[in-house]
Amino acid sequence: MGTKIMTRYFLQNRFRSVLLVFAGISFLSGCAVGPNYKRPSVKVPTTYRAPVADQTSANSPAQLPASAEPPKASAASLGDEKWWEVFQDQELQELIRTALKNNYDVRIAATRVLQAKAQVGIMRADQLPTLSAGGAINSVQNPKIGPIPSYELTQGQVTASAAWNLDFWGKYRRATEAARATLLANEWAQKQVIATLVADMATDYFQLRQLDLELEIAKRTLSSRQDSLNLTQTLEQHGIDSLLDVRQSEQLVYTAATELPDLERQIGQLENAISILLGNNPGDVPRGLKLTEQPHLPEVPGDLPSALLERRADVRESEANLIAANAQIGVARAAYFPQISLTGSAGYESPALTNLFTGSAGLWNLASSISQPIFEGGRLKSNVRLAEAQHEQLLLIYQQTIQGAFRDVSNALIAYQKFREFRVQQQRLFESAQDAAHLSEVRFKSGTTDYLEVLTNETNSFSAELTLAQAQGNELIALVQLYQALGGGWQE
């Protein structure tokens, strides 16, 4: 009994010693070759390039519809606002929520994040030792053959083994660092997909409401002009108006009527596009507030250009890819150095299962190996050059992405300001054209002018009202583009 206890004690302590050796070497192997990441310095402008607001136009009473109560401007950036705070139409909010849940691009981006998380786990496992346990039973029975007597042998074995590729030069740690950076890049890519989806949905919705308004204007104008045509035909039948007046009145009717089929076509196709964003088959799209009732900011809240680097999802994704490439340089350089491996196993083996854990049944072995590359035909050097070139490429992409971000913000600021100014002037033009059309109709009925004047002014008024609807839609779409350019839309 004493021998059995001593043997077991010896094996347990021997295996524990192996693990302690592994742990000690791991503690000592703290260096990691390759450059540590440092964010590159980039030239950030102190302010965004934007036009100076036309105070006369901006303060015009026609700037916002009377029914809209715009939120007050604050010191916070528009890009920091949640999308449901910027887009306050309840129906639009519901459409965006549905799209975020069902849109295929968002769901595909989510699966990429899951893949990247799994890859991190795979890379991290390479840093750790592998432990395994096993057992075997082998039973043999042979009959008597000549002078050889019959025999029966049953043999059992139980073992535990450990193996470790030491990460002395940081190869696996750098690979894990790269995998984590890739995971972060995929998470920011997912946010970019979300921000793009929010912007696309808002843009399509505002464009749809714009087309709805244009269709409403065309139908209302067609009805009014049809009434005028009926009156002109009656007057012509009584000899008061001429046939020329009837033909000119018909031109007004046909001009308005030709707008209807094209507007209905655009509305149907846009509804199909929105349905696809929702993850649905083509179908009808519910509406909320009218275009003229949509609230939006009269002024864009201030923002620092440096904050754009932290908020824009595409910039953060590009930087994460740069971090991953930087870590891959360390992986490539670590291949120059010796690779050290340790293995060990311990267990019990006995020809009789009843004596498996007794007597001198214990067994153990330790082994270590080291390999140093000597000649690889330039492979290792080329791998390092490849990793460095890929890092340089991603550095240029990172800098290019930042420049593109500042360009997007500047373009969006210019577009939003100038579309506002255009809408204000178009509002004035429409009011003037509408009044001219009314006066010409009064003059025609009083017999002081011919119907050609009515035709001209009615056409101008109709065209101005359609252009005003387009200007109102463009202003809202420019706000969406500015919100997206400032890095908004992905916040939860």
Protein backbone atom coordinates (compact mmCIF):
# COMPACT_ATOMS: atom_id res chain seq x y z
CA MET A 1 0.00 0.00 0.00
CA GLY A 2 2.88 2.39 0.82
CA THR A 3 4.44 1.79 -2.59
CA LYS A 4 1.14 2.61 -4.36
CA ILE A 5 0.71 5.87 -2.45
CA MET A 6 4.29 6.93 -3.10
CA THR A 7 3.99 6.20 -6.82
CA ARG A 8 0.80 8.19 -7.18
CA TYR A 9 2.27 11.08 -5.20
CA PHE A 10 5.36 11.06 -7.40
CA LEU A 11 3.36 11.18 -10.64
CA GLN A 12 1.05 13.92 -9.44
CA ASN A 13 3.94 16.09 -8.39
CA ARG A 14 5.82 15.40 -11.61
CA PHE A 15 2.82 16.45 -13.74
CA ARG A 16 2.30 19.52 -11.55
CA SER A 17 5.92 20.43 -12.08
CA VAL A 18 5.45 20.26 -15.83
CA LEU A 19 2.55 22.69 -15.65
CA LEU A 20 4.57 25.04 -13.43
CA VAL A 21 7.39 24.99 -15.97
CA PHE A 22 4.89 25.88 -18.71
CA ALA A 23 3.49 28.73 -16.64
CA GLY A 24 6.97 30.05 -15.84
CA ILE A 25 8.04 30.08 -19.45
CA SER A 26 4.79 31.82 -20.40
CA PHE A 27 5.49 34.51 -17.83
CA LEU A 28 8.97 35.04 -19.20
CA SER A 29 7.82 35.14 -22.82
CA GLY A 30 6.41 38.65 -22.55
CA CYS A 31 8.02 40.24 -25.59
CA ALA A 32 6.23 40.59 -28.90
CA VAL A 33 8.10 41.56 -32.04
CA GLY A 34 6.65 44.02 -34.51
CA PRO A 35 5.56 47.64 -34.14
CA ASN A 36 3.02 48.68 -31.51
CA TYR A 37 0.12 50.59 -33.03
CA LYS A 38 0.09 54.36 -32.79
CA ARG A 39 -2.65 56.39 -34.43
CA PRO A 40 -1.21 58.23 -37.45
CA SER A 41 -1.23 61.99 -37.34
CA VAL A 42 -3.71 63.47 -39.79
CA LYS A 43 -4.34 67.02 -40.88
CA VAL A 44 -7.68 68.05 -39.40
CA PRO A 45 -9.18 71.40 -40.41
CA THR A 46 -10.20 73.75 -37.62
CA THR A 47 -13.62 74.32 -39.19
CA TYR A 48 -15.74 72.79 -41.90
CA ARG A 49 -15.82 74.57 -45.24
CA ALA A 50 -19.35 75.91 -45.55
CA PRO A 51 -21.08 78.89 -47.17
CA VAL A 52 -22.04 81.99 -45.24
CA ALA A 53 -25.76 81.94 -44.64
CA ASP A 54 -27.94 84.44 -46.46
CA GLN A 55 -29.48 86.15 -43.46
CA THR A 56 -32.18 87.78 -45.55
CA SER A 57 -33.32 84.45 -46.91
CA ALA A 58 -32.72 82.51 -43.74
CA ASN A 59 -34.91 84.84 -41.69
CA SER A 60 -37.71 84.88 -44.20
CA PRO A 61 -41.16 83.95 -42.86
CA ALA A 62 -41.35 81.42 -45.67
CA GLN A 63 -38.36 79.52 -44.32
CA LEU A 64 -40.39 76.84 -42.49
CA PRO A 65 -44.03 75.79 -42.81
CA ALA A 66 -46.26 77.28 -40.15
CA SER A 67 -47.28 73.84 -38.91
CA ALA A 68 -43.69 72.76 -38.25
CA GLU A 69 -42.14 73.35 -34.85
CA PRO A 70 -38.43 72.91 -35.46
CA PRO A 71 -36.24 71.82 -32.56
CA LYS A 72 -33.95 74.48 -31.18
CA ALA A 73 -30.30 74.43 -32.16
CA SER A 74 -27.89 73.38 -29.45
CA ALA A 75 -24.16 73.21 -28.92
CA ALA A 76 -24.20 69.46 -29.53
CA SER A 77 -23.45 68.12 -32.96
CA LEU A 78 -26.24 67.01 -35.24
CA GLY A 79 -24.27 63.78 -35.75
CA ASP A 80 -24.62 62.95 -32.04
CA GLU A 81 -28.41 63.03 -32.20
CA LYS A 82 -30.33 59.75 -32.30
CA TRP A 83 -32.04 59.14 -35.62
CA TRP A 84 -35.51 59.17 -34.02
CA GLU A 85 -34.75 62.65 -32.65
CA VAL A 86 -33.82 63.96 -36.09
CA PHE A 87 -36.63 62.24 -38.03
CA GLN A 88 -39.75 62.92 -36.02
CA ASP A 89 -42.37 61.51 -38.38
CA GLN A 90 -43.84 58.55 -36.47
CA GLU A 91 -44.51 56.56 -39.62
CA LEU A 92 -40.95 57.08 -40.84
CA GLN A 93 -39.61 55.95 -37.46
CA GLU A 94 -41.65 52.76 -37.67
CA LEU A 95 -40.36 52.09 -41.18
CA ILE A 96 -36.76 52.52 -40.01
CA ARG A 97 -37.29 50.18 -37.05
CA THR A 98 -38.76 47.55 -39.34
CA ALA A 99 -35.88 47.92 -41.78
CA LEU A 100 -33.27 47.61 -39.02
CA LYS A 101 -34.90 44.36 -37.98
CA ASN A 102 -35.53 42.75 -41.38
CA ASN A 103 -33.13 44.33 -43.89
CA TYR A 104 -30.83 41.74 -45.43
CA ASP A 105 -27.73 43.96 -45.52
CA VAL A 106 -28.01 44.55 -41.76
CA ARG A 107 -28.49 40.84 -41.08
CA ILE A 108 -25.54 39.93 -43.31
CA ALA A 109 -23.35 42.46 -41.47
CA ALA A 110 -24.39 40.88 -38.16
CA THR A 111 -23.23 37.44 -39.35
CA ARG A 112 -19.84 38.92 -40.29
CA VAL A 113 -19.48 40.16 -36.71
CA LEU A 114 -20.25 36.67 -35.40
CA GLN A 115 -17.64 35.19 -37.73
CA ALA A 116 -15.05 37.71 -36.54
CA LYS A 117 -15.83 36.88 -32.89
CA ALA A 118 -15.28 33.20 -33.59
CA GLN A 119 -11.99 34.00 -35.31
CA VAL A 120 -10.80 35.85 -32.21
CA GLY A 121 -11.52 32.73 -30.16
CA ILE A 122 -9.55 30.59 -32.60
CA MET A 123 -6.53 32.92 -32.54
CA ARG A 124 -6.61 33.29 -28.76
CA ALA A 125 -6.63 29.49 -28.31
CA ASP A 126 -3.22 29.29 -30.04
CA GLN A 127 -1.66 31.17 -27.10
CA LEU A 128 -2.70 28.52 -24.58
CA PRO A 129 -1.49 24.95 -23.96
CA THR A 130 -3.67 22.10 -25.12
CA LEU A 131 -4.66 19.46 -22.56
CA SER A 132 -6.14 16.09 -23.37
CA ALA A 133 -6.95 12.86 -21.58
CA GLY A 134 -7.49 9.39 -22.92
CA GLY A 135 -7.76 5.76 -22.06
CA ALA A 136 -7.40 2.40 -23.78
CA ILE A 137 -8.21 -1.25 -23.04
CA ASN A 138 -6.67 -4.06 -25.04
CA SER A 139 -7.68 -7.71 -24.44
CA VAL A 140 -5.98 -10.68 -26.21
CA GLN A 141 -6.65 -14.44 -25.91
CA ASN A 142 -4.62 -17.10 -27.80
CA PRO A 143 -5.12 -20.90 -27.73
CA LYS A 144 -2.39 -23.39 -27.00
CA ILE A 145 -0.18 -23.95 -30.04
CA GLY A 146 2.30 -26.76 -29.68
CA PRO A 147 4.60 -26.11 -26.78
CA ILE A 148 3.23 -22.57 -26.40
CA PRO A 149 0.54 -22.61 -23.75
CA SER A 150 -2.69 -20.67 -24.14
CA TYR A 151 -2.79 -17.28 -22.57
CA GLU A 152 -5.11 -14.31 -22.00
CA LEU A 153 -3.91 -10.73 -21.60
CA THR A 154 -5.96 -7.65 -20.72
CA GLN A 155 -4.09 -4.35 -20.66
CA GLY A 156 -5.42 -0.92 -19.62
CA GLN A 157 -3.99 2.57 -19.92
CA VAL A 158 -5.11 6.01 -18.70
CA THR A 159 -3.08 9.08 -19.72
CA ALA A 160 -3.23 12.87 -19.64
CA SER A 161 -1.09 14.94 -21.97
CA ALA A 162 -0.25 18.60 -22.52
CA ALA A 163 1.34 20.43 -25.45
CA TRP A 164 2.35 24.04 -25.85
CA ASN A 165 3.82 26.05 -28.68
CA LEU A 166 5.47 28.83 -26.69
CA ASP A 167 4.57 32.30 -27.87
CA PHE A 168 7.97 33.65 -26.90
CA TRP A 169 8.12 36.18 -29.75
CA GLY A 170 4.46 37.18 -29.67
CA LYS A 171 3.39 35.53 -32.92
CA TYR A 172 0.09 34.29 -31.54
CA ARG A 173 -0.51 37.42 -29.48
CA ARG A 174 -0.05 39.58 -32.56
CA ALA A 175 -2.39 37.28 -34.50
CA THR A 176 -4.97 37.64 -31.72
CA GLU A 177 -4.48 41.41 -31.78
CA ALA A 178 -5.13 41.40 -35.52
CA ALA A 179 -8.24 39.24 -35.07
CA ARG A 180 -9.61 41.59 -32.41
CA ALA A 181 -8.99 44.58 -34.66
CA THR A 182 -10.76 42.78 -37.49
CA LEU A 183 -13.67 42.13 -35.16
CA LEU A 184 -13.78 45.82 -34.31
CA ALA A 185 -13.66 46.68 -38.02
CA ASN A 186 -16.62 44.38 -38.66
CA GLU A 187 -18.56 45.98 -35.80
CA TRP A 188 -17.95 49.44 -37.24
CA ALA A 189 -18.84 48.13 -40.70
CA GLN A 190 -22.12 46.92 -39.22
CA LYS A 191 -22.73 50.40 -37.79
CA GLN A 192 -21.96 51.89 -41.20
CA VAL A 193 -24.54 49.59 -42.80
CA ILE A 194 -27.09 50.71 -40.19
CA ALA A 195 -26.31 54.40 -40.75
CA THR A 196 -26.59 53.96 -44.51
CA LEU A 197 -29.89 52.13 -44.16
CA VAL A 198 -31.33 54.87 -41.92
CA ALA A 199 -30.23 57.54 -44.41
CA ASP A 200 -31.54 55.60 -47.42
CA MET A 201 -34.90 55.01 -45.76
CA ALA A 202 -35.28 58.66 -44.74
CA THR A 203 -34.21 59.86 -48.20
CA ASP A 204 -36.62 57.54 -50.03
CA TYR A 205 -39.45 58.42 -47.64
CA PHE A 206 -39.00 62.17 -48.09
CA GLN A 207 -38.74 61.71 -51.84
CA LEU A 208 -41.94 59.66 -51.74
CA ARG A 209 -43.75 62.40 -49.82
CA GLN A 210 -42.41 64.90 -52.34
CA LEU A 211 -43.88 62.89 -55.21
CA ASP A 212 -47.13 62.55 -53.28
CA LEU A 213 -47.26 66.35 -52.99
CA GLU A 214 -46.49 66.80 -56.68
CA LEU A 215 -49.26 64.32 -57.55
CA GLU A 216 -51.66 66.17 -55.28
CA ILE A 217 -50.75 69.46 -56.96
CA ALA A 218 -51.18 67.95 -60.42
CA LYS A 219 -54.58 66.47 -59.57
CA ARG A 220 -55.80 69.68 -57.96
CA THR A 221 -54.58 71.73 -60.92
CA LEU A 222 -56.14 69.29 -63.39
CA SER A 223 -59.50 69.52 -61.63
CA SER A 224 -59.37 73.32 -61.59
CA ARG A 225 -58.37 73.52 -65.25
CA GLN A 226 -61.06 71.03 -66.25
CA ASP A 227 -63.63 73.34 -64.63
CA SER A 228 -62.16 76.27 -66.56
CA LEU A 229 -62.32 74.27 -69.79
CA ASN A 230 -65.96 73.43 -69.19
CA LEU A 231 -66.72 77.11 -68.60
CA THR A 232 -64.80 78.16 -71.72
CA GLN A 233 -66.64 75.59 -73.83
CA THR A 234 -69.98 76.90 -72.54
CA LEU A 235 -68.99 80.48 -73.34
CA GLU A 236 -67.84 79.46 -76.81
CA GLN A 237 -71.16 77.75 -77.47
CA HIS A 238 -72.91 81.03 -76.61
CA GLY A 239 -70.59 83.04 -78.84
CA ILE A 240 -68.84 84.80 -75.99
CA ASP A 241 -65.45 83.05 -76.34
CA SER A 242 -63.72 81.88 -79.48
CA LEU A 243 -62.64 78.37 -80.45
CA LEU A 244 -59.04 79.54 -79.92
CA ASP A 245 -59.85 80.16 -76.26
CA VAL A 246 -61.20 76.62 -76.01
CA ARG A 247 -58.03 75.16 -77.56
CA GLN A 248 -55.82 77.18 -75.23
CA SER A 249 -57.87 76.01 -72.24
CA GLU A 250 -57.50 72.43 -73.42
CA GLN A 251 -53.71 72.88 -73.46
CA LEU A 252 -53.82 73.75 -69.76
CA VAL A 253 -55.80 70.58 -69.03
CA TYR A 254 -53.50 68.35 -71.06
CA THR A 255 -50.37 69.87 -69.52
CA ALA A 256 -51.59 68.98 -66.03
CA ALA A 257 -52.84 65.56 -67.17
CA THR A 258 -49.49 64.55 -68.65
CA GLU A 259 -47.85 64.89 -65.21
CA LEU A 260 -50.06 62.23 -63.60
CA PRO A 261 -48.82 59.00 -65.27
CA ASP A 262 -45.13 59.84 -64.77
CA LEU A 263 -45.64 60.80 -61.11
CA GLU A 264 -47.62 57.63 -60.46
CA ARG A 265 -44.84 55.60 -62.10
CA GLN A 266 -42.18 57.18 -59.89
CA ILE A 267 -44.29 56.66 -56.77
CA GLY A 268 -44.84 52.97 -57.54
CA GLN A 269 -41.16 52.32 -58.22
CA LEU A 270 -40.08 54.19 -55.10
CA GLU A 271 -42.55 52.20 -52.98
CA ASN A 272 -40.95 49.04 -54.37
CA ALA A 273 -37.49 50.32 -53.40
CA ILE A 274 -38.66 51.10 -49.85
CA SER A 275 -40.26 47.66 -49.58
CA ILE A 276 -36.93 46.04 -50.43
CA LEU A 277 -35.20 48.12 -47.73
CA LEU A 278 -37.83 46.79 -45.32
CA GLY A 279 -36.96 43.23 -46.29
CA ASN A 280 -40.39 42.78 -47.90
CA ASN A 281 -41.65 42.03 -51.37
CA PRO A 282 -42.79 45.08 -53.39
CA GLY A 283 -45.95 46.59 -51.96
CA ASP A 284 -47.64 49.70 -50.64
CA VAL A 285 -45.85 51.93 -48.13
CA PRO A 286 -47.73 53.69 -45.29
CA ARG A 287 -47.48 57.49 -45.06
CA GLY A 288 -47.25 59.86 -42.12
CA LEU A 289 -46.80 63.63 -42.11
CA LYS A 290 -47.03 65.55 -45.36
CA LEU A 291 -43.86 66.96 -46.85
CA THR A 292 -44.76 70.49 -45.74
CA GLU A 293 -45.37 69.29 -42.17
CA GLN A 294 -41.99 67.60 -41.66
CA PRO A 295 -40.03 69.31 -38.82
CA HIS A 296 -36.36 69.97 -39.37
CA LEU A 297 -33.61 72.11 -37.96
CA PRO A 298 -33.57 75.77 -39.04
CA GLU A 299 -29.85 75.80 -38.25
CA VAL A 300 -27.31 73.02 -37.92
CA PRO A 301 -25.80 72.76 -34.40
CA GLY A 302 -22.09 73.39 -34.13
CA ASP A 303 -19.52 70.61 -34.37
CA LEU A 304 -15.74 70.17 -34.16
CA PRO A 305 -14.06 68.55 -37.18
CA SER A 306 -11.83 66.47 -34.87
CA ALA A 307 -14.94 64.78 -33.43
CA LEU A 308 -15.72 63.43 -36.89
CA LEU A 309 -12.83 60.95 -36.61
CA GLU A 310 -14.45 59.37 -33.55
CA ARG A 311 -18.03 59.40 -34.81
CA ARG A 312 -17.87 58.35 -38.45
CA ALA A 313 -18.26 54.58 -38.66
CA ASP A 314 -16.33 54.30 -41.93
CA VAL A 315 -13.36 56.16 -40.44
CA ARG A 316 -13.33 53.91 -37.36
CA GLU A 317 -13.63 50.82 -39.55
CA SER A 318 -10.70 51.98 -41.66
CA GLU A 319 -8.58 52.57 -38.55
CA ALA A 320 -9.44 49.13 -37.15
CA ASN A 321 -8.29 47.55 -40.41
CA LEU A 322 -5.06 49.55 -40.09
CA ILE A 323 -4.55 48.19 -36.54
CA ALA A 324 -5.02 44.64 -37.81
CA ALA A 325 -2.47 45.18 -40.59
CA ASN A 326 -0.01 46.64 -38.09
CA ALA A 327 -0.32 43.51 -35.93
CA GLN A 328 0.21 41.26 -38.94
CA ILE A 329 3.68 42.78 -39.37
CA GLY A 330 4.55 41.32 -35.95
CA VAL A 331 3.20 37.93 -37.01
CA ALA A 332 5.39 37.97 -40.11
CA ARG A 333 8.51 39.09 -38.21
CA ALA A 334 8.05 36.44 -35.50
CA ALA A 335 8.65 33.75 -38.13
CA TYR A 336 12.35 34.75 -38.18
CA PHE A 337 12.85 33.52 -34.61
CA PRO A 338 13.05 30.01 -33.11
CA GLN A 339 9.79 28.19 -32.51
CA ILE A 340 9.77 26.38 -29.15
CA SER A 341 7.36 23.57 -28.29
CA LEU A 342 6.86 21.62 -25.07
CA THR A 343 4.95 18.39 -24.63
CA GLY A 344 4.32 16.19 -21.64
CA SER A 345 2.16 13.28 -20.61
CA ALA A 346 1.52 11.20 -17.47
CA GLY A 347 -0.73 8.34 -16.58
CA TYR A 348 -1.07 4.71 -15.58
CA GLU A 349 -0.65 1.46 -17.49
CA SER A 350 -1.16 -2.08 -16.21
CA PRO A 351 -1.70 -5.57 -17.67
CA ALA A 352 -4.51 -6.03 -15.17
CA LEU A 353 -7.34 -3.56 -14.85
CA THR A 354 -7.61 -4.30 -11.13
CA ASN A 355 -4.02 -3.13 -10.67
CA LEU A 356 -4.24 -0.08 -12.97
CA PHE A 357 -3.75 2.45 -10.17
CA THR A 358 -1.57 0.33 -7.93
CA GLY A 359 2.07 -0.63 -7.70
CA SER A 360 4.42 0.69 -10.35
CA ALA A 361 1.74 1.39 -12.98
CA GLY A 362 2.63 5.06 -13.34
CA LEU A 363 4.21 6.49 -16.50
CA TRP A 364 5.27 9.92 -17.68
CA ASN A 365 7.33 11.63 -20.32
CA LEU A 366 8.49 15.16 -21.11
CA ALA A 367 9.75 16.48 -24.43
CA SER A 368 10.74 19.82 -25.90
CA SER A 369 11.70 20.92 -29.37
CA ILE A 370 13.10 24.01 -30.99
CA SER A 371 13.32 24.88 -34.66
CA GLN A 372 15.12 27.81 -36.24
CA PRO A 373 14.51 28.76 -39.89
CA ILE A 374 17.81 28.87 -41.79
CA PHE A 375 16.93 28.99 -45.46
CA GLU A 376 13.44 29.68 -46.78
CA GLY A 377 14.29 31.02 -50.23
CA GLY A 378 13.28 34.54 -49.23
CA ARG A 379 9.80 33.51 -48.11
CA LEU A 380 10.06 35.05 -44.63
CA LYS A 381 11.45 38.32 -45.92
CA SER A 382 8.77 38.52 -48.59
CA ASN A 383 6.06 37.85 -46.01
CA VAL A 384 7.32 40.79 -43.93
CA ARG A 385 7.42 43.02 -47.01
CA LEU A 386 3.91 41.92 -47.93
CA ALA A 387 2.60 42.74 -44.44
CA GLU A 388 4.34 46.14 -44.49
CA ALA A 389 2.96 46.94 -47.96
CA GLN A 390 -0.56 45.99 -46.87
CA HIS A 391 -0.15 48.21 -43.81
CA GLU A 392 0.97 51.09 -46.02
CA GLN A 393 -2.03 50.56 -48.30
CA LEU A 394 -4.46 50.61 -45.38
CA LEU A 395 -2.75 53.71 -43.97
CA LEU A 396 -3.38 55.51 -47.26
CA ILE A 397 -6.98 54.25 -47.28
CA TYR A 398 -7.41 55.54 -43.72
CA GLN A 399 -6.12 58.99 -44.70
CA GLN A 400 -8.24 58.97 -47.85
CA THR A 401 -11.34 58.03 -45.83
CA ILE A 402 -10.75 60.97 -43.50
CA GLN A 403 -10.42 63.37 -46.42
CA GLY A 404 -13.59 61.94 -47.92
CA ALA A 405 -15.40 62.45 -44.61
CA PHE A 406 -14.50 66.15 -44.51
CA ARG A 407 -15.54 66.48 -48.15
CA ASP A 408 -18.90 64.85 -47.42
CA VAL A 409 -19.59 67.22 -44.53
CA SER A 410 -18.60 70.28 -46.55
CA ASN A 411 -20.74 69.21 -49.51
CA ALA A 412 -23.68 68.49 -47.23
CA LEU A 413 -23.37 71.85 -45.44
CA ILE A 414 -23.27 73.67 -48.78
CA ALA A 415 -26.21 71.67 -50.14
CA TYR A 416 -28.36 72.17 -47.03
CA GLN A 417 -27.71 75.93 -46.87
CA LYS A 418 -28.24 76.56 -50.59
CA PHE A 419 -31.32 74.34 -50.88
CA ARG A 420 -32.84 76.33 -48.00
CA GLU A 421 -32.10 79.60 -49.77
CA PHE A 422 -33.45 78.21 -53.04
CA ARG A 423 -36.67 77.06 -51.38
CA VAL A 424 -37.23 80.49 -49.83
CA GLN A 425 -36.87 82.20 -53.22
CA GLN A 426 -38.98 79.53 -54.92
CA GLN A 427 -41.72 80.12 -52.35
CA ARG A 428 -41.72 83.80 -53.28
CA LEU A 429 -41.72 82.95 -56.99
CA PHE A 430 -44.70 80.63 -56.57
CA GLU A 431 -46.68 83.20 -54.58
CA SER A 432 -46.00 85.80 -57.27
CA ALA A 433 -46.89 83.41 -60.11
CA GLN A 434 -50.04 82.30 -58.31
CA ASP A 435 -51.14 85.91 -57.85
CA ALA A 436 -50.37 86.70 -61.52
CA ALA A 437 -52.49 83.73 -62.63
CA HIS A 438 -55.38 84.91 -60.45
CA LEU A 439 -55.16 88.48 -61.80
CA SER A 440 -54.99 87.32 -65.42
CA GLU A 441 -58.12 85.20 -64.90
CA VAL A 442 -59.94 88.22 -63.45
CA ARG A 443 -58.83 90.35 -66.40
CA PHE A 444 -59.94 87.68 -68.87
CA LYS A 445 -63.38 87.40 -67.29
CA SER A 446 -63.76 91.16 -67.42
CA GLY A 447 -62.83 91.13 -71.12
CA THR A 448 -59.66 93.22 -70.79
CA THR A 449 -57.28 90.48 -72.02
CA ASP A 450 -57.29 87.32 -74.11
CA TYR A 451 -56.94 83.75 -72.90
CA LEU A 452 -53.29 83.57 -73.96
CA GLU A 453 -52.35 85.63 -70.92
CA VAL A 454 -54.30 83.22 -68.70
CA LEU A 455 -52.58 80.25 -70.36
CA THR A 456 -49.11 81.69 -69.80
CA ASN A 457 -49.63 82.65 -66.17
CA GLU A 458 -51.42 79.40 -65.26
CA THR A 459 -48.56 77.41 -66.77
CA ASN A 460 -46.00 79.47 -64.86
CA SER A 461 -47.91 79.02 -61.60
CA PHE A 462 -48.24 75.26 -62.03
CA SER A 463 -44.55 74.90 -62.88
CA ALA A 464 -43.54 77.09 -59.91
CA GLU A 465 -45.66 75.05 -57.48
CA LEU A 466 -44.13 71.77 -58.68
CA THR A 467 -40.64 73.24 -58.39
CA LEU A 468 -41.45 74.43 -54.86
CA ALA A 469 -42.45 70.88 -53.87
CA GLN A 470 -39.16 69.61 -55.28
CA ALA A 471 -37.25 72.31 -53.38
CA GLN A 472 -38.96 71.33 -50.13
CA GLY A 473 -38.01 67.70 -50.72
CA ASN A 474 -34.42 68.59 -51.64
CA GLU A 475 -34.02 70.56 -48.42
CA LEU A 476 -35.12 67.61 -46.30
CA ILE A 477 -32.95 65.18 -48.26
CA ALA A 478 -29.98 67.52 -47.80
CA LEU A 479 -30.59 67.39 -44.06
CA VAL A 480 -30.47 63.59 -44.22
CA GLN A 481 -27.19 63.72 -46.13
CA LEU A 482 -25.73 66.16 -43.62
CA TYR A 483 -26.77 63.95 -40.71
CA GLN A 484 -25.14 60.94 -42.38
CA ALA A 485 -21.99 62.90 -43.28
CA LEU A 486 -21.56 63.98 -39.64
CA GLY A 487 -21.58 60.31 -38.61
CA GLY A 488 -25.14 60.04 -37.33
CA GLY A 489 -27.62 57.22 -37.77
CA TRP A 490 -25.95 54.19 -36.16
CA GLN A 491 -26.48 55.23 -32.54
CA GLU A 492 -28.88 53.01 -30.61
